[in-house]
Structures are given as structure tokens and as C-alpha cells.
């Protein structure tokens, strides 16, 4: 059986220590993503934004998706975006744990979807742990909300601004 890389280990629920020998791969991937983000966040063309977001996520972004940039993503390949989704200005997605946004979701300005975190123990706090975020159909995430790892937002739910 082949050894799993750091991305697979994280997605399988492993906590990765700060001195993991593959830790550099996380940084490399993030800087590669940043190159595409610079292009995307400097574009005023909705179709170009969707095309660049497709490259970031490795999945086709439907023509019904609208993103008001800037949008910040640290990896991208673990983000899935459904149809008829609106993402407003200045959102941040940390997606190593996986982010799924189903159809007809509204995401207001300055929302953070953070599927990554750290253990609470001071001795392990520099380690990385992840958990998926799942936003179900027709949800509305209010301005400035922060959604943490392992959270599912139910169908038709509203998350209050600042929550």
C-alpha cells in the first residue's frame, strides 16, 4: 500500500505535527494557489473569475455562480461550489479539511469558512487538524460570520451576521 501524502492524511482526520517532513508541501500548494488568486482578484470579468476559480478548485464552476472579489483561498482543491451560488466581497476559505457549498447558497461579505484548526493543548498547538464544512442548499451566511471546521449548515438555514 502506498504511503498517503500530507493532504490525504489531513483529509482522513489525522493531526499533522508542525515538524511533519511533508509540511513544506502545504506551503508550496498555498503559494501556487496565490498565483491564481492574484489574477482572479484583479479581474473585473465574471466569466474570467469563474474560469480562474475553476482552476483553483479543479472543478468546473457553473455560469450561475457569482463571486465578488477579493476572495482568499489557501489551497482550493478541496472546495466544491454548487449552482446559483453568490459569494460577496472579501471572503476567506481555508479548505484543507474540505468545503462543500451546495446550490442556491448566499455568502455575505467578510465570511470566513475555516476548515482548519489546531489542537488546544499548548504542546500540540502548532500542529494542524482539519474537519469538513458543509453548507447545504438555500443557506444564507450573514456578513462577517465565521464557520469553523466540522460544521454543517442545514438546508434553508440562516447564519446571523457576525456569528
N, C-alpha and C. Protein backbone atom coordinates (compact mmCIF):
# COMPACT_ATOMS: atom_id res chain seq x y z
N UNK A 1 0.84 -1.18 0.00
CA UNK A 1 0.00 0.00 0.00
C UNK A 1 0.89 1.24 0.00
N UNK A 2 0.56 2.20 -0.84
CA UNK A 2 1.35 3.43 -0.95
C UNK A 2 1.13 4.31 0.29
N UNK A 3 2.18 4.99 0.67
CA UNK A 3 2.08 5.92 1.79
C UNK A 3 1.23 7.11 1.37
N UNK A 4 0.36 7.55 2.26
CA UNK A 4 -0.51 8.69 1.98
C UNK A 4 0.26 9.98 2.16
N UNK A 5 0.00 10.94 1.25
CA UNK A 5 0.68 12.23 1.39
C UNK A 5 -0.01 13.07 2.47
N UNK A 6 0.55 14.20 2.77
CA UNK A 6 0.06 15.03 3.86
C UNK A 6 -1.38 15.48 3.65
N UNK A 7 -1.77 15.73 2.40
CA UNK A 7 -3.14 16.15 2.10
C UNK A 7 -4.13 15.02 2.39
N UNK A 8 -3.78 13.81 1.99
CA UNK A 8 -4.64 12.65 2.25
C UNK A 8 -4.73 12.36 3.75
N UNK A 9 -3.61 12.50 4.44
CA UNK A 9 -3.62 12.24 5.88
C UNK A 9 -4.52 13.23 6.61
N UNK A 10 -4.43 14.50 6.21
CA UNK A 10 -5.30 15.51 6.82
C UNK A 10 -6.77 15.20 6.56
N UNK A 11 -7.10 14.89 5.31
CA UNK A 11 -8.49 14.62 4.94
C UNK A 11 -9.01 13.35 5.63
N UNK A 12 -8.11 12.46 6.03
CA UNK A 12 -8.50 11.24 6.76
C UNK A 12 -8.60 11.47 8.26
N UNK A 13 -8.47 12.72 8.68
CA UNK A 13 -8.65 13.05 10.08
C UNK A 13 -7.41 13.03 10.94
N UNK A 14 -6.25 12.83 10.33
CA UNK A 14 -5.01 12.83 11.11
C UNK A 14 -4.63 14.26 11.49
N UNK A 15 -4.07 14.41 12.64
CA UNK A 15 -3.45 15.68 13.02
C UNK A 15 -2.01 15.62 12.54
N UNK A 16 -1.58 16.68 11.89
CA UNK A 16 -0.23 16.73 11.33
C UNK A 16 0.62 17.65 12.20
N UNK A 17 1.74 17.14 12.67
CA UNK A 17 2.59 17.92 13.56
C UNK A 17 3.29 19.04 12.79
N UNK A 18 3.70 20.06 13.53
CA UNK A 18 4.35 21.22 12.93
C UNK A 18 5.66 20.85 12.25
N UNK A 19 6.29 19.78 12.68
CA UNK A 19 7.58 19.38 12.07
C UNK A 19 7.42 18.19 11.12
N UNK A 20 6.22 18.00 10.59
CA UNK A 20 5.98 16.92 9.62
C UNK A 20 6.92 17.11 8.43
N UNK A 21 7.58 16.05 7.97
CA UNK A 21 8.52 16.18 6.85
C UNK A 21 7.87 16.65 5.55
N UNK A 22 6.55 16.51 5.43
CA UNK A 22 5.87 16.98 4.23
C UNK A 22 5.19 18.33 4.41
N UNK A 23 5.42 18.96 5.54
CA UNK A 23 4.79 20.25 5.82
C UNK A 23 5.05 21.29 4.75
N UNK A 24 6.22 21.24 4.15
CA UNK A 24 6.57 22.19 3.10
C UNK A 24 5.60 22.11 1.92
N UNK A 25 4.98 20.92 1.70
CA UNK A 25 4.04 20.77 0.59
C UNK A 25 2.81 21.65 0.78
N UNK A 26 2.40 21.85 2.01
CA UNK A 26 1.27 22.74 2.29
C UNK A 26 1.60 24.16 1.87
N UNK A 27 2.79 24.61 2.21
CA UNK A 27 3.21 25.97 1.84
C UNK A 27 3.36 26.10 0.32
N UNK A 28 3.97 25.13 -0.30
CA UNK A 28 4.12 25.17 -1.76
C UNK A 28 2.77 25.25 -2.46
N UNK A 29 1.83 24.43 -2.03
CA UNK A 29 0.49 24.44 -2.65
C UNK A 29 -0.19 25.78 -2.44
N UNK A 30 -0.04 26.34 -1.27
CA UNK A 30 -0.66 27.62 -0.96
C UNK A 30 -0.09 28.74 -1.83
N UNK A 31 1.20 28.73 -2.06
CA UNK A 31 1.81 29.76 -2.90
C UNK A 31 1.43 29.58 -4.37
N UNK A 32 1.24 28.35 -4.81
CA UNK A 32 0.74 28.12 -6.18
C UNK A 32 -0.68 28.66 -6.32
N UNK A 33 -1.49 28.43 -5.31
CA UNK A 33 -2.86 28.96 -5.31
C UNK A 33 -2.84 30.48 -5.35
N UNK A 34 -1.92 31.06 -4.62
CA UNK A 34 -1.84 32.53 -4.55
C UNK A 34 -1.60 33.15 -5.93
N UNK A 35 -0.84 32.47 -6.78
CA UNK A 35 -0.60 32.99 -8.13
C UNK A 35 -1.92 33.16 -8.89
N UNK A 36 -2.79 32.14 -8.81
CA UNK A 36 -4.09 32.24 -9.47
C UNK A 36 -4.99 33.25 -8.78
N UNK A 37 -4.90 33.34 -7.46
CA UNK A 37 -5.72 34.30 -6.72
C UNK A 37 -5.39 35.74 -7.13
N UNK A 38 -4.11 36.01 -7.34
CA UNK A 38 -3.73 37.36 -7.77
C UNK A 38 -4.41 37.72 -9.09
N UNK A 39 -4.44 36.79 -10.02
CA UNK A 39 -5.13 37.03 -11.29
C UNK A 39 -6.63 37.19 -11.08
N UNK A 40 -7.21 36.26 -10.32
CA UNK A 40 -8.66 36.29 -10.11
C UNK A 40 -9.09 37.57 -9.39
N UNK A 41 -8.36 37.95 -8.36
CA UNK A 41 -8.76 39.11 -7.56
C UNK A 41 -8.50 40.43 -8.26
N UNK A 42 -7.80 40.40 -9.37
CA UNK A 42 -7.58 41.61 -10.16
C UNK A 42 -8.44 41.65 -11.41
N UNK A 43 -9.33 40.70 -11.56
CA UNK A 43 -10.21 40.65 -12.72
C UNK A 43 -11.55 41.30 -12.41
N UNK A 44 -12.12 41.95 -13.42
CA UNK A 44 -13.47 42.50 -13.28
C UNK A 44 -14.46 41.74 -14.16
N UNK A 45 -13.99 40.66 -14.77
CA UNK A 45 -14.83 39.87 -15.66
C UNK A 45 -15.41 38.67 -14.92
N UNK A 46 -16.75 38.61 -14.77
CA UNK A 46 -17.35 37.47 -14.08
C UNK A 46 -16.96 36.12 -14.69
N UNK A 47 -16.88 36.04 -16.01
CA UNK A 47 -16.54 34.76 -16.64
C UNK A 47 -15.07 34.41 -16.38
N UNK A 48 -14.18 35.39 -16.39
CA UNK A 48 -12.78 35.12 -16.08
C UNK A 48 -12.62 34.70 -14.62
N UNK A 49 -13.35 35.33 -13.73
CA UNK A 49 -13.31 34.97 -12.31
C UNK A 49 -13.74 33.51 -12.15
N UNK A 50 -14.84 33.12 -12.80
CA UNK A 50 -15.29 31.72 -12.72
C UNK A 50 -14.26 30.77 -13.30
N UNK A 51 -13.65 31.15 -14.42
CA UNK A 51 -12.65 30.29 -15.06
C UNK A 51 -11.44 30.11 -14.14
N UNK A 52 -10.97 31.16 -13.52
CA UNK A 52 -9.83 31.06 -12.61
C UNK A 52 -10.20 30.29 -11.34
N UNK A 53 -11.44 30.49 -10.86
CA UNK A 53 -11.90 29.73 -9.70
C UNK A 53 -11.99 28.24 -10.04
N UNK A 54 -12.36 27.94 -11.27
CA UNK A 54 -12.37 26.54 -11.73
C UNK A 54 -10.97 25.95 -11.66
N UNK A 55 -9.97 26.72 -12.07
CA UNK A 55 -8.59 26.25 -11.99
C UNK A 55 -8.17 26.05 -10.53
N UNK A 56 -8.56 26.99 -9.67
CA UNK A 56 -8.20 26.89 -8.25
C UNK A 56 -8.79 25.64 -7.60
N UNK A 57 -10.06 25.36 -7.92
CA UNK A 57 -10.75 24.25 -7.27
C UNK A 57 -10.55 22.92 -7.99
N UNK A 58 -10.14 22.98 -9.24
CA UNK A 58 -10.01 21.77 -10.03
C UNK A 58 -11.37 21.21 -10.45
N UNK A 59 -12.40 22.05 -10.40
CA UNK A 59 -13.76 21.66 -10.76
C UNK A 59 -14.41 22.78 -11.56
N UNK A 60 -15.28 22.42 -12.47
CA UNK A 60 -15.98 23.45 -13.24
C UNK A 60 -16.89 24.26 -12.32
N UNK A 61 -16.79 25.57 -12.44
CA UNK A 61 -17.68 26.47 -11.71
C UNK A 61 -18.79 26.88 -12.67
N UNK A 62 -20.02 26.61 -12.29
CA UNK A 62 -21.18 26.86 -13.15
C UNK A 62 -21.33 28.35 -13.47
N UNK A 63 -21.90 28.63 -14.64
CA UNK A 63 -22.10 30.01 -15.08
C UNK A 63 -23.08 30.79 -14.19
N UNK A 64 -23.82 30.08 -13.32
CA UNK A 64 -24.76 30.74 -12.42
C UNK A 64 -24.11 31.18 -11.10
N UNK A 65 -22.84 30.90 -10.94
CA UNK A 65 -22.10 31.29 -9.74
C UNK A 65 -21.53 32.69 -9.95
N UNK A 66 -21.73 33.56 -8.96
CA UNK A 66 -21.16 34.90 -9.00
C UNK A 66 -20.29 35.10 -7.77
N UNK A 67 -19.09 35.60 -8.02
CA UNK A 67 -18.12 35.87 -6.95
C UNK A 67 -17.66 37.31 -7.09
N UNK A 68 -17.87 38.08 -6.03
CA UNK A 68 -17.33 39.43 -5.97
C UNK A 68 -15.97 39.32 -5.28
N UNK A 69 -14.92 39.60 -6.01
CA UNK A 69 -13.58 39.51 -5.45
C UNK A 69 -13.29 40.77 -4.64
N UNK A 70 -12.36 40.70 -3.68
CA UNK A 70 -11.42 39.61 -3.48
C UNK A 70 -12.02 38.42 -2.72
N UNK A 71 -11.52 37.27 -3.08
CA UNK A 71 -11.79 36.01 -2.39
C UNK A 71 -10.43 35.41 -2.09
N UNK A 72 -10.26 34.94 -0.86
CA UNK A 72 -8.98 34.36 -0.46
C UNK A 72 -9.18 32.88 -0.16
N UNK A 73 -8.36 32.05 -0.78
CA UNK A 73 -8.38 30.60 -0.58
C UNK A 73 -6.94 30.15 -0.40
N UNK A 74 -6.68 29.28 0.56
CA UNK A 74 -5.30 28.86 0.78
C UNK A 74 -4.89 27.66 -0.06
N UNK A 75 -5.83 26.83 -0.49
CA UNK A 75 -5.48 25.65 -1.26
C UNK A 75 -6.37 25.53 -2.49
N UNK A 76 -7.67 25.40 -2.30
CA UNK A 76 -8.61 25.42 -3.40
C UNK A 76 -9.13 24.08 -3.86
N UNK A 77 -8.28 23.09 -3.89
CA UNK A 77 -8.65 21.78 -4.45
C UNK A 77 -9.67 21.03 -3.60
N UNK A 78 -9.92 21.48 -2.39
CA UNK A 78 -10.89 20.82 -1.53
C UNK A 78 -12.16 21.65 -1.36
N UNK A 79 -12.41 22.56 -2.31
CA UNK A 79 -13.61 23.37 -2.30
C UNK A 79 -14.52 22.95 -3.43
N UNK A 80 -15.80 22.70 -3.11
CA UNK A 80 -16.81 22.35 -4.10
C UNK A 80 -17.91 23.39 -4.02
N UNK A 81 -18.27 23.96 -5.16
CA UNK A 81 -19.28 25.02 -5.21
C UNK A 81 -20.39 24.60 -6.17
N UNK A 82 -21.61 24.61 -5.68
CA UNK A 82 -22.77 24.22 -6.48
C UNK A 82 -23.20 25.32 -7.45
N UNK A 83 -24.44 25.23 -7.90
CA UNK A 83 -25.01 26.18 -8.86
C UNK A 83 -25.76 27.28 -8.13
N UNK A 84 -25.84 28.43 -8.82
CA UNK A 84 -26.59 29.58 -8.32
C UNK A 84 -26.11 30.00 -6.93
N UNK A 85 -24.80 30.05 -6.78
CA UNK A 85 -24.16 30.47 -5.52
C UNK A 85 -23.67 31.89 -5.69
N UNK A 86 -23.85 32.70 -4.65
CA UNK A 86 -23.31 34.06 -4.64
C UNK A 86 -22.35 34.20 -3.47
N UNK A 87 -21.13 34.64 -3.77
CA UNK A 87 -20.10 34.88 -2.75
C UNK A 87 -19.72 36.35 -2.84
N UNK A 88 -19.98 37.09 -1.77
CA UNK A 88 -19.74 38.53 -1.77
C UNK A 88 -18.28 38.86 -1.47
N UNK A 89 -17.95 40.14 -1.46
CA UNK A 89 -16.58 40.62 -1.30
C UNK A 89 -15.90 40.12 -0.04
N UNK A 90 -14.59 39.90 -0.15
CA UNK A 90 -13.68 39.78 0.99
C UNK A 90 -13.93 38.55 1.87
N UNK A 91 -14.19 37.41 1.24
CA UNK A 91 -14.38 36.17 1.99
C UNK A 91 -13.07 35.37 2.02
N UNK A 92 -12.94 34.54 3.04
CA UNK A 92 -11.74 33.72 3.22
C UNK A 92 -12.15 32.27 3.39
N UNK A 93 -11.56 31.40 2.57
CA UNK A 93 -11.80 29.96 2.65
C UNK A 93 -10.48 29.25 2.95
N UNK A 94 -10.38 28.59 4.08
CA UNK A 94 -9.27 27.69 4.37
C UNK A 94 -9.83 26.29 4.19
N UNK A 95 -9.43 25.62 3.12
CA UNK A 95 -10.19 24.44 2.67
C UNK A 95 -9.46 23.10 2.76
N UNK A 96 -8.38 23.01 3.50
CA UNK A 96 -7.68 21.72 3.57
C UNK A 96 -8.57 20.61 4.14
N UNK A 97 -9.55 20.97 4.96
CA UNK A 97 -10.46 19.98 5.51
C UNK A 97 -11.66 19.71 4.63
N UNK A 98 -11.81 20.50 3.59
CA UNK A 98 -12.92 20.34 2.66
C UNK A 98 -14.03 21.34 2.94
N UNK A 99 -14.47 22.01 1.89
CA UNK A 99 -15.61 22.93 1.96
C UNK A 99 -16.55 22.57 0.83
N UNK A 100 -17.79 22.26 1.19
CA UNK A 100 -18.82 21.98 0.20
C UNK A 100 -19.91 23.03 0.33
N UNK A 101 -20.17 23.72 -0.76
CA UNK A 101 -21.23 24.73 -0.82
C UNK A 101 -22.24 24.24 -1.85
N UNK A 102 -23.42 23.87 -1.39
CA UNK A 102 -24.43 23.34 -2.29
C UNK A 102 -25.12 24.46 -3.07
N UNK A 103 -26.11 24.11 -3.86
CA UNK A 103 -26.83 25.04 -4.73
C UNK A 103 -27.59 26.10 -3.94
N UNK A 104 -27.72 27.28 -4.58
CA UNK A 104 -28.57 28.39 -4.09
C UNK A 104 -28.12 28.96 -2.76
N UNK A 105 -26.84 28.91 -2.47
CA UNK A 105 -26.30 29.45 -1.22
C UNK A 105 -25.88 30.90 -1.43
N UNK A 106 -26.17 31.72 -0.43
CA UNK A 106 -25.73 33.12 -0.39
C UNK A 106 -24.68 33.27 0.70
N UNK A 107 -23.54 33.82 0.35
CA UNK A 107 -22.46 34.06 1.32
C UNK A 107 -22.16 35.55 1.29
N UNK A 108 -22.42 36.20 2.42
CA UNK A 108 -22.27 37.65 2.51
C UNK A 108 -20.80 38.06 2.63
N UNK A 109 -20.57 39.33 2.65
CA UNK A 109 -19.22 39.88 2.72
C UNK A 109 -18.51 39.50 4.02
N UNK A 110 -17.21 39.32 3.91
CA UNK A 110 -16.31 39.05 5.04
C UNK A 110 -16.63 37.75 5.80
N UNK A 111 -17.19 36.77 5.11
CA UNK A 111 -17.44 35.47 5.72
C UNK A 111 -16.16 34.65 5.67
N UNK A 112 -15.88 33.93 6.74
CA UNK A 112 -14.72 33.04 6.79
C UNK A 112 -15.20 31.61 6.96
N UNK A 113 -14.77 30.74 6.05
CA UNK A 113 -15.04 29.31 6.13
C UNK A 113 -13.70 28.66 6.44
N UNK A 114 -13.52 28.22 7.67
CA UNK A 114 -12.21 27.78 8.16
C UNK A 114 -12.25 26.31 8.53
N UNK A 115 -11.90 25.45 7.59
CA UNK A 115 -11.94 24.00 7.83
C UNK A 115 -10.66 23.49 8.47
N UNK A 116 -9.86 24.39 8.97
CA UNK A 116 -8.57 24.04 9.57
C UNK A 116 -8.47 24.64 10.96
N UNK A 117 -7.75 23.97 11.83
CA UNK A 117 -7.54 24.48 13.17
C UNK A 117 -6.36 23.80 13.82
N UNK A 118 -6.27 24.00 15.11
CA UNK A 118 -5.13 23.49 15.88
C UNK A 118 -5.63 22.85 17.17
N UNK A 119 -4.92 21.85 17.66
CA UNK A 119 -5.28 21.27 18.96
C UNK A 119 -5.20 22.34 20.05
N UNK A 120 -5.95 22.15 21.13
CA UNK A 120 -5.96 23.15 22.20
C UNK A 120 -4.78 22.99 23.16
N UNK A 121 -4.19 21.83 23.23
CA UNK A 121 -3.05 21.60 24.12
C UNK A 121 -1.88 22.50 23.71
N UNK A 122 -1.32 23.26 24.66
CA UNK A 122 -0.19 24.15 24.32
C UNK A 122 0.98 23.43 23.66
N UNK A 123 1.22 22.17 24.04
CA UNK A 123 2.36 21.45 23.47
C UNK A 123 2.10 21.02 22.03
N UNK A 124 0.84 20.89 21.63
CA UNK A 124 0.50 20.46 20.26
C UNK A 124 -0.10 21.57 19.41
N UNK A 125 -0.17 22.76 19.92
CA UNK A 125 -0.92 23.84 19.28
C UNK A 125 -0.40 24.22 17.89
N UNK A 126 0.84 23.94 17.59
CA UNK A 126 1.36 24.26 16.25
C UNK A 126 1.05 23.18 15.24
N UNK A 127 0.44 22.09 15.68
CA UNK A 127 0.02 21.04 14.76
C UNK A 127 -1.23 21.50 14.01
N UNK A 128 -1.56 20.79 12.95
CA UNK A 128 -2.71 21.15 12.11
C UNK A 128 -3.72 20.01 12.11
N UNK A 129 -4.99 20.37 12.31
CA UNK A 129 -6.08 19.40 12.21
C UNK A 129 -7.19 20.03 11.38
N UNK A 130 -7.96 19.20 10.71
CA UNK A 130 -8.98 19.72 9.81
C UNK A 130 -10.31 18.99 10.03
N UNK A 131 -11.35 19.59 9.52
CA UNK A 131 -12.68 18.97 9.51
C UNK A 131 -13.51 19.64 8.44
N UNK A 132 -14.35 18.90 7.76
CA UNK A 132 -15.10 19.46 6.63
C UNK A 132 -16.15 20.48 7.06
N UNK A 133 -16.41 21.41 6.17
CA UNK A 133 -17.52 22.35 6.31
C UNK A 133 -18.49 22.02 5.18
N UNK A 134 -19.77 21.91 5.53
CA UNK A 134 -20.79 21.59 4.53
C UNK A 134 -21.92 22.60 4.67
N UNK A 135 -22.13 23.37 3.63
CA UNK A 135 -23.22 24.34 3.62
C UNK A 135 -24.26 23.82 2.65
N UNK A 136 -25.43 23.48 3.20
CA UNK A 136 -26.47 22.83 2.40
C UNK A 136 -27.31 23.84 1.62
N UNK A 137 -28.15 23.32 0.74
CA UNK A 137 -28.94 24.12 -0.20
C UNK A 137 -29.71 25.26 0.48
N UNK A 138 -29.73 26.38 -0.23
CA UNK A 138 -30.53 27.56 0.15
C UNK A 138 -30.11 28.22 1.45
N UNK A 139 -28.94 27.91 1.96
CA UNK A 139 -28.47 28.56 3.18
C UNK A 139 -28.01 29.98 2.87
N UNK A 140 -28.08 30.82 3.86
CA UNK A 140 -27.63 32.20 3.75
C UNK A 140 -26.70 32.45 4.93
N UNK A 141 -25.45 32.76 4.62
CA UNK A 141 -24.44 33.03 5.64
C UNK A 141 -24.27 34.54 5.73
N UNK A 142 -24.62 35.13 6.87
CA UNK A 142 -24.60 36.58 7.06
C UNK A 142 -23.21 37.17 7.13
N UNK A 143 -23.14 38.47 6.93
CA UNK A 143 -21.88 39.21 6.88
C UNK A 143 -21.04 38.97 8.12
N UNK A 144 -19.76 38.71 7.91
CA UNK A 144 -18.80 38.57 9.00
C UNK A 144 -18.90 37.27 9.78
N UNK A 145 -19.74 36.35 9.35
CA UNK A 145 -19.85 35.08 10.06
C UNK A 145 -18.57 34.26 9.90
N UNK A 146 -18.26 33.48 10.92
CA UNK A 146 -17.11 32.58 10.88
C UNK A 146 -17.62 31.16 11.10
N UNK A 147 -17.41 30.30 10.11
CA UNK A 147 -17.82 28.90 10.19
C UNK A 147 -16.55 28.08 10.37
N UNK A 148 -16.52 27.29 11.42
CA UNK A 148 -15.32 26.52 11.76
C UNK A 148 -15.40 25.08 11.29
N UNK A 149 -14.27 24.41 11.37
CA UNK A 149 -14.12 23.02 10.94
C UNK A 149 -15.17 22.12 11.57
N UNK A 150 -15.64 21.18 10.76
CA UNK A 150 -16.57 20.18 11.24
C UNK A 150 -18.02 20.63 11.30
N UNK A 151 -18.32 21.84 10.84
CA UNK A 151 -19.68 22.38 10.95
C UNK A 151 -20.46 22.13 9.67
N UNK A 152 -21.72 21.73 9.83
CA UNK A 152 -22.67 21.63 8.73
C UNK A 152 -23.76 22.65 8.96
N UNK A 153 -24.05 23.46 7.94
CA UNK A 153 -25.14 24.43 7.97
C UNK A 153 -26.30 23.78 7.22
N UNK A 154 -27.42 23.63 7.88
CA UNK A 154 -28.55 22.91 7.32
C UNK A 154 -29.24 23.63 6.16
N UNK A 155 -29.98 22.83 5.39
CA UNK A 155 -30.74 23.35 4.27
C UNK A 155 -31.69 24.45 4.74
N UNK A 156 -31.74 25.55 3.98
CA UNK A 156 -32.61 26.71 4.22
C UNK A 156 -32.24 27.50 5.48
N UNK A 157 -31.11 27.21 6.10
CA UNK A 157 -30.71 27.91 7.31
C UNK A 157 -30.20 29.31 7.02
N UNK A 158 -30.27 30.14 8.05
CA UNK A 158 -29.67 31.47 8.02
C UNK A 158 -28.70 31.54 9.18
N UNK A 159 -27.45 31.93 8.89
CA UNK A 159 -26.45 32.17 9.94
C UNK A 159 -26.38 33.68 10.09
N UNK A 160 -26.62 34.17 11.30
CA UNK A 160 -26.68 35.59 11.56
C UNK A 160 -25.36 36.29 11.24
N UNK A 161 -25.46 37.54 10.85
CA UNK A 161 -24.27 38.36 10.64
C UNK A 161 -23.46 38.39 11.93
N UNK A 162 -22.16 38.27 11.79
CA UNK A 162 -21.27 38.31 12.94
C UNK A 162 -21.22 37.05 13.78
N UNK A 163 -21.95 36.04 13.38
CA UNK A 163 -21.99 34.81 14.18
C UNK A 163 -20.67 34.04 14.06
